[in-house]
PDB file of all heavy atoms in Angstrom:
ATOM      1  N   GLY A   1      19.442 -25.303 -59.453  1.00  0.00           N
ATOM      2  CA  GLY A   1      19.555 -24.717 -58.119  1.00  0.00           C
ATOM      3  C   GLY A   1      18.456 -23.727 -57.803  1.00  0.00           C
ATOM      4  O   GLY A   1      18.317 -23.309 -56.642  1.00  0.00           O
ATOM      5  N   ARG A   2      17.674 -23.335 -58.806  1.00  0.00           N
ATOM      6  CA  ARG A   2      16.588 -22.369 -58.581  1.00  0.00           C
ATOM      7  C   ARG A   2      15.209 -22.979 -58.825  1.00  0.00           C
ATOM      8  O   ARG A   2      14.237 -22.610 -58.168  1.00  0.00           O
ATOM      9  CB  ARG A   2      16.763 -21.146 -59.487  1.00  0.00           C
ATOM     10  CG  ARG A   2      18.070 -20.403 -59.280  1.00  0.00           C
ATOM     11  CD  ARG A   2      18.100 -19.089 -60.081  1.00  0.00           C
ATOM     12  NE  ARG A   2      18.019 -19.302 -61.519  1.00  0.00           N
ATOM     13  CZ  ARG A   2      17.085 -18.778 -62.300  1.00  0.00           C
ATOM     14  NH1 ARG A   2      16.132 -18.024 -61.787  1.00  0.00           N
ATOM     15  NH2 ARG A   2      17.105 -19.019 -63.607  1.00  0.00           N
ATOM     16  N   PHE A   3      15.121 -23.872 -59.792  1.00  0.00           N
ATOM     17  CA  PHE A   3      13.847 -24.482 -60.168  1.00  0.00           C
ATOM     18  C   PHE A   3      13.816 -25.945 -59.736  1.00  0.00           C
ATOM     19  O   PHE A   3      14.852 -26.623 -59.752  1.00  0.00           O
ATOM     20  CB  PHE A   3      13.643 -24.429 -61.680  1.00  0.00           C
ATOM     21  CG  PHE A   3      13.418 -23.054 -62.244  1.00  0.00           C
ATOM     22  CD1 PHE A   3      13.597 -21.900 -61.493  1.00  0.00           C
ATOM     23  CD2 PHE A   3      13.002 -22.915 -63.569  1.00  0.00           C
ATOM     24  CE1 PHE A   3      13.389 -20.643 -62.030  1.00  0.00           C
ATOM     25  CE2 PHE A   3      12.779 -21.666 -64.125  1.00  0.00           C
ATOM     26  CZ  PHE A   3      12.982 -20.530 -63.357  1.00  0.00           C
ATOM     27  N   THR A   4      12.628 -26.422 -59.399  1.00  0.00           N
ATOM     28  CA  THR A   4      12.439 -27.822 -59.042  1.00  0.00           C
ATOM     29  C   THR A   4      11.192 -28.367 -59.724  1.00  0.00           C
ATOM     30  O   THR A   4      10.110 -27.800 -59.573  1.00  0.00           O
ATOM     31  CB  THR A   4      12.295 -27.997 -57.521  1.00  0.00           C
ATOM     32  OG1 THR A   4      13.440 -27.450 -56.853  1.00  0.00           O
ATOM     33  CG2 THR A   4      12.170 -29.479 -57.164  1.00  0.00           C
ATOM     34  N   ILE A   5      11.375 -29.456 -60.467  1.00  0.00           N
ATOM     35  CA  ILE A   5      10.251 -30.102 -61.128  1.00  0.00           C
ATOM     36  C   ILE A   5       9.809 -31.304 -60.298  1.00  0.00           C
ATOM     37  O   ILE A   5      10.637 -31.985 -59.684  1.00  0.00           O
ATOM     38  CB  ILE A   5      10.621 -30.538 -62.564  1.00  0.00           C
ATOM     39  CG1 ILE A   5       9.379 -31.023 -63.314  1.00  0.00           C
ATOM     40  CG2 ILE A   5      11.724 -31.594 -62.562  1.00  0.00           C
ATOM     41  CD1 ILE A   5       9.633 -31.264 -64.812  1.00  0.00           C
ATOM     42  N   SER A   6       8.508 -31.532 -60.277  1.00  0.00           N
ATOM     43  CA  SER A   6       7.977 -32.684 -59.557  1.00  0.00           C
ATOM     44  C   SER A   6       6.734 -33.190 -60.266  1.00  0.00           C
ATOM     45  O   SER A   6       6.126 -32.454 -61.054  1.00  0.00           O
ATOM     46  CB  SER A   6       7.653 -32.309 -58.104  1.00  0.00           C
ATOM     47  OG  SER A   6       6.685 -31.273 -58.050  1.00  0.00           O
ATOM     48  N   ARG A   7       6.371 -34.434 -60.002  1.00  0.00           N
ATOM     49  CA  ARG A   7       5.157 -34.990 -60.589  1.00  0.00           C
ATOM     50  C   ARG A   7       4.468 -35.864 -59.559  1.00  0.00           C
ATOM     51  O   ARG A   7       5.133 -36.529 -58.755  1.00  0.00           O
ATOM     52  CB  ARG A   7       5.454 -35.779 -61.868  1.00  0.00           C
ATOM     53  CG  ARG A   7       6.256 -37.044 -61.680  1.00  0.00           C
ATOM     54  CD  ARG A   7       6.690 -37.644 -63.019  1.00  0.00           C
ATOM     55  NE  ARG A   7       5.606 -38.321 -63.721  1.00  0.00           N
ATOM     56  CZ  ARG A   7       5.718 -38.795 -64.975  1.00  0.00           C
ATOM     57  NH1 ARG A   7       6.863 -38.656 -65.630  1.00  0.00           N
ATOM     58  NH2 ARG A   7       4.693 -39.407 -65.544  1.00  0.00           N
ATOM     59  N   VAL A   8       3.152 -35.854 -59.603  1.00  0.00           N
ATOM     60  CA  VAL A   8       2.343 -36.724 -58.758  1.00  0.00           C
ATOM     61  C   VAL A   8       1.446 -37.510 -59.686  1.00  0.00           C
ATOM     62  O   VAL A   8       0.416 -37.015 -60.166  1.00  0.00           O
ATOM     63  CB  VAL A   8       1.515 -35.929 -57.731  1.00  0.00           C
ATOM     64  CG1 VAL A   8       0.709 -36.887 -56.860  1.00  0.00           C
ATOM     65  CG2 VAL A   8       2.414 -35.049 -56.873  1.00  0.00           C
ATOM     66  N   ASN A   9       1.862 -38.715 -59.990  1.00  0.00           N
ATOM     67  CA  ASN A   9       1.127 -39.514 -60.972  1.00  0.00           C
ATOM     68  C   ASN A   9      -0.324 -39.762 -60.532  1.00  0.00           C
ATOM     69  O   ASN A   9      -1.235 -39.757 -61.361  1.00  0.00           O
ATOM     70  CB  ASN A   9       1.838 -40.841 -61.200  1.00  0.00           C
ATOM     71  CG  ASN A   9       3.164 -40.666 -61.910  1.00  0.00           C
ATOM     72  OD1 ASN A   9       3.359 -39.710 -62.675  1.00  0.00           O
ATOM     73  ND2 ASN A   9       4.091 -41.574 -61.669  1.00  0.00           N
ATOM     74  N   ALA A  10      -0.530 -39.957 -59.251  1.00  0.00           N
ATOM     75  CA  ALA A  10      -1.879 -40.243 -58.757  1.00  0.00           C
ATOM     76  C   ALA A  10      -2.828 -39.073 -58.969  1.00  0.00           C
ATOM     77  O   ALA A  10      -4.047 -39.265 -59.040  1.00  0.00           O
ATOM     78  CB  ALA A  10      -1.816 -40.610 -57.279  1.00  0.00           C
ATOM     79  N   LYS A  11      -2.259 -37.861 -59.063  1.00  0.00           N
ATOM     80  CA  LYS A  11      -3.090 -36.674 -59.274  1.00  0.00           C
ATOM     81  C   LYS A  11      -2.974 -36.135 -60.691  1.00  0.00           C
ATOM     82  O   LYS A  11      -3.552 -35.098 -61.006  1.00  0.00           O
ATOM     83  CB  LYS A  11      -2.699 -35.585 -58.272  1.00  0.00           C
ATOM     84  CG  LYS A  11      -2.993 -35.948 -56.825  1.00  0.00           C
ATOM     85  CD  LYS A  11      -2.719 -34.767 -55.902  1.00  0.00           C
ATOM     86  CE  LYS A  11      -3.093 -35.121 -54.463  1.00  0.00           C
ATOM     87  NZ  LYS A  11      -2.857 -33.969 -53.544  1.00  0.00           N
ATOM     88  N   ASN A  12      -2.197 -36.836 -61.523  1.00  0.00           N
ATOM     89  CA  ASN A  12      -2.028 -36.426 -62.928  1.00  0.00           C
ATOM     90  C   ASN A  12      -1.547 -34.988 -63.053  1.00  0.00           C
ATOM     91  O   ASN A  12      -2.041 -34.216 -63.882  1.00  0.00           O
ATOM     92  CB  ASN A  12      -3.337 -36.618 -63.702  1.00  0.00           C
ATOM     93  CG  ASN A  12      -3.784 -38.058 -63.715  1.00  0.00           C
ATOM     94  OD1 ASN A  12      -2.960 -38.959 -63.854  1.00  0.00           O
ATOM     95  ND2 ASN A  12      -5.072 -38.294 -63.550  1.00  0.00           N
ATOM     96  N   THR A  13      -0.584 -34.638 -62.223  1.00  0.00           N
ATOM     97  CA  THR A  13      -0.063 -33.277 -62.238  1.00  0.00           C
ATOM     98  C   THR A  13       1.462 -33.261 -62.265  1.00  0.00           C
ATOM     99  O   THR A  13       2.118 -34.161 -61.730  1.00  0.00           O
ATOM    100  CB  THR A  13      -0.530 -32.467 -61.021  1.00  0.00           C
ATOM    101  OG1 THR A  13      -0.099 -33.122 -59.829  1.00  0.00           O
ATOM    102  CG2 THR A  13      -2.029 -32.301 -61.004  1.00  0.00           C
ATOM    103  N   VAL A  14       1.980 -32.235 -62.903  1.00  0.00           N
ATOM    104  CA  VAL A  14       3.407 -31.951 -62.904  1.00  0.00           C
ATOM    105  C   VAL A  14       3.561 -30.484 -62.504  1.00  0.00           C
ATOM    106  O   VAL A  14       2.798 -29.635 -62.972  1.00  0.00           O
ATOM    107  CB  VAL A  14       4.027 -32.169 -64.294  1.00  0.00           C
ATOM    108  CG1 VAL A  14       5.511 -31.807 -64.287  1.00  0.00           C
ATOM    109  CG2 VAL A  14       3.846 -33.606 -64.727  1.00  0.00           C
ATOM    110  N   SER A  15       4.513 -30.210 -61.647  1.00  0.00           N
ATOM    111  CA  SER A  15       4.688 -28.847 -61.158  1.00  0.00           C
ATOM    112  C   SER A  15       6.116 -28.371 -61.367  1.00  0.00           C
ATOM    113  O   SER A  15       7.041 -29.179 -61.521  1.00  0.00           O
ATOM    114  CB  SER A  15       4.346 -28.779 -59.667  1.00  0.00           C
ATOM    115  OG  SER A  15       3.001 -29.138 -59.440  1.00  0.00           O
ATOM    116  N   LEU A  16       6.264 -27.061 -61.386  1.00  0.00           N
ATOM    117  CA  LEU A  16       7.583 -26.441 -61.493  1.00  0.00           C
ATOM    118  C   LEU A  16       7.648 -25.331 -60.452  1.00  0.00           C
ATOM    119  O   LEU A  16       6.965 -24.307 -60.593  1.00  0.00           O
ATOM    120  CB  LEU A  16       7.816 -25.885 -62.892  1.00  0.00           C
ATOM    121  CG  LEU A  16       9.217 -25.326 -63.140  1.00  0.00           C
ATOM    122  CD1 LEU A  16      10.256 -26.458 -63.143  1.00  0.00           C
ATOM    123  CD2 LEU A  16       9.271 -24.559 -64.462  1.00  0.00           C
ATOM    124  N   GLN A  17       8.434 -25.545 -59.422  1.00  0.00           N
ATOM    125  CA  GLN A  17       8.664 -24.519 -58.409  1.00  0.00           C
ATOM    126  C   GLN A  17       9.835 -23.662 -58.855  1.00  0.00           C
ATOM    127  O   GLN A  17      10.925 -24.189 -59.093  1.00  0.00           O
ATOM    128  CB  GLN A  17       8.971 -25.161 -57.053  1.00  0.00           C
ATOM    129  CG  GLN A  17       9.269 -24.164 -55.953  1.00  0.00           C
ATOM    130  CD  GLN A  17       8.069 -23.303 -55.593  1.00  0.00           C
ATOM    131  OE1 GLN A  17       6.952 -23.792 -55.503  1.00  0.00           O
ATOM    132  NE2 GLN A  17       8.309 -22.003 -55.388  1.00  0.00           N
ATOM    133  N   MET A  18       9.588 -22.364 -58.996  1.00  0.00           N
ATOM    134  CA  MET A  18      10.600 -21.459 -59.501  1.00  0.00           C
ATOM    135  C   MET A  18      10.938 -20.436 -58.421  1.00  0.00           C
ATOM    136  O   MET A  18      10.072 -19.644 -58.018  1.00  0.00           O
ATOM    137  CB  MET A  18      10.103 -20.749 -60.764  1.00  0.00           C
ATOM    138  CG  MET A  18       9.633 -21.709 -61.851  1.00  0.00           C
ATOM    139  SD  MET A  18       9.214 -20.877 -63.400  1.00  0.00           S
ATOM    140  CE  MET A  18       7.803 -19.906 -62.877  1.00  0.00           C
ATOM    141  N   ASN A  19      12.177 -20.466 -57.965  1.00  0.00           N
ATOM    142  CA  ASN A  19      12.648 -19.537 -56.942  1.00  0.00           C
ATOM    143  C   ASN A  19      13.738 -18.637 -57.510  1.00  0.00           C
ATOM    144  O   ASN A  19      14.318 -18.939 -58.556  1.00  0.00           O
ATOM    145  CB  ASN A  19      13.185 -20.310 -55.735  1.00  0.00           C
ATOM    146  CG  ASN A  19      12.134 -21.169 -55.071  1.00  0.00           C
ATOM    147  OD1 ASN A  19      10.948 -20.834 -55.035  1.00  0.00           O
ATOM    148  ND2 ASN A  19      12.557 -22.302 -54.534  1.00  0.00           N
ATOM    149  N   SER A  20      14.011 -17.558 -56.797  1.00  0.00           N
ATOM    150  CA  SER A  20      15.073 -16.615 -57.207  1.00  0.00           C
ATOM    151  C   SER A  20      14.924 -16.238 -58.681  1.00  0.00           C
ATOM    152  O   SER A  20      15.895 -16.283 -59.448  1.00  0.00           O
ATOM    153  CB  SER A  20      16.449 -17.239 -56.946  1.00  0.00           C
ATOM    154  OG  SER A  20      16.607 -17.579 -55.592  1.00  0.00           O
ATOM    155  N   LEU A  21      13.740 -15.877 -59.063  1.00  0.00           N
ATOM    156  CA  LEU A  21      13.458 -15.579 -60.467  1.00  0.00           C
ATOM    157  C   LEU A  21      14.237 -14.353 -60.936  1.00  0.00           C
ATOM    158  O   LEU A  21      14.476 -13.407 -60.184  1.00  0.00           O
ATOM    159  CB  LEU A  21      11.967 -15.382 -60.674  1.00  0.00           C
ATOM    160  CG  LEU A  21      11.166 -16.691 -60.707  1.00  0.00           C
ATOM    161  CD1 LEU A  21       9.693 -16.436 -60.466  1.00  0.00           C
ATOM    162  CD2 LEU A  21      11.373 -17.395 -62.040  1.00  0.00           C
ATOM    163  N   LYS A  22      14.625 -14.421 -62.202  1.00  0.00           N
ATOM    164  CA  LYS A  22      15.391 -13.357 -62.847  1.00  0.00           C
ATOM    165  C   LYS A  22      14.606 -12.818 -64.033  1.00  0.00           C
ATOM    166  O   LYS A  22      13.788 -13.553 -64.622  1.00  0.00           O
ATOM    167  CB  LYS A  22      16.732 -13.903 -63.328  1.00  0.00           C
ATOM    168  CG  LYS A  22      17.578 -14.561 -62.251  1.00  0.00           C
ATOM    169  CD  LYS A  22      18.828 -15.165 -62.851  1.00  0.00           C
ATOM    170  CE  LYS A  22      19.691 -15.846 -61.792  1.00  0.00           C
ATOM    171  NZ  LYS A  22      20.912 -16.452 -62.376  1.00  0.00           N
ATOM    172  N   PRO A  23      14.872 -11.592 -64.443  1.00  0.00           N
ATOM    173  CA  PRO A  23      14.179 -11.060 -65.633  1.00  0.00           C
ATOM    174  C   PRO A  23      14.346 -11.947 -66.857  1.00  0.00           C
ATOM    175  O   PRO A  23      13.419 -12.048 -67.676  1.00  0.00           O
ATOM    176  CB  PRO A  23      14.844  -9.690 -65.828  1.00  0.00           C
ATOM    177  CG  PRO A  23      15.241  -9.275 -64.454  1.00  0.00           C
ATOM    178  CD  PRO A  23      15.680 -10.553 -63.772  1.00  0.00           C
ATOM    179  N   GLU A  24      15.482 -12.599 -66.980  1.00  0.00           N
ATOM    180  CA  GLU A  24      15.706 -13.477 -68.140  1.00  0.00           C
ATOM    181  C   GLU A  24      14.889 -14.767 -68.089  1.00  0.00           C
ATOM    182  O   GLU A  24      14.894 -15.537 -69.047  1.00  0.00           O
ATOM    183  CB  GLU A  24      17.197 -13.812 -68.291  1.00  0.00           C
ATOM    184  CG  GLU A  24      17.862 -14.323 -67.033  1.00  0.00           C
ATOM    185  CD  GLU A  24      18.592 -13.225 -66.276  1.00  0.00           C
ATOM    186  OE1 GLU A  24      18.031 -12.112 -66.135  1.00  0.00           O
ATOM    187  OE2 GLU A  24      19.721 -13.493 -65.807  1.00  0.00           O
ATOM    188  N   ASP A  25      14.168 -15.000 -66.998  1.00  0.00           N
ATOM    189  CA  ASP A  25      13.251 -16.133 -66.936  1.00  0.00           C
ATOM    190  C   ASP A  25      11.901 -15.798 -67.576  1.00  0.00           C
ATOM    191  O   ASP A  25      11.038 -16.679 -67.702  1.00  0.00           O
ATOM    192  CB  ASP A  25      13.015 -16.558 -65.486  1.00  0.00           C
ATOM    193  CG  ASP A  25      14.262 -17.119 -64.826  1.00  0.00           C
ATOM    194  OD1 ASP A  25      14.985 -17.892 -65.480  1.00  0.00           O
ATOM    195  OD2 ASP A  25      14.502 -16.795 -63.642  1.00  0.00           O
ATOM    196  N   THR A  26      11.719 -14.551 -67.956  1.00  0.00           N
ATOM    197  CA  THR A  26      10.468 -14.136 -68.590  1.00  0.00           C
ATOM    198  C   THR A  26      10.241 -14.900 -69.890  1.00  0.00           C
ATOM    199  O   THR A  26      11.106 -14.912 -70.765  1.00  0.00           O
ATOM    200  CB  THR A  26      10.487 -12.621 -68.876  1.00  0.00           C
ATOM    201  OG1 THR A  26      10.527 -11.917 -67.622  1.00  0.00           O
ATOM    202  CG2 THR A  26       9.258 -12.197 -69.656  1.00  0.00           C
ATOM    203  N   ALA A  27       9.090 -15.541 -69.996  1.00  0.00           N
ATOM    204  CA  ALA A  27       8.776 -16.364 -71.164  1.00  0.00           C
ATOM    205  C   ALA A  27       7.381 -16.953 -71.005  1.00  0.00           C
ATOM    206  O   ALA A  27       6.781 -16.852 -69.922  1.00  0.00           O
ATOM    207  CB  ALA A  27       9.799 -17.500 -71.320  1.00  0.00           C
TER     208      ALA A  27
END
């Protein structure tokens, strides 16, 4: 519900959209 993963094979990229970040996401 906070993070979204996506990939664009044509661009050889994978992304992670991170919303509503919390201190425990630190890493």
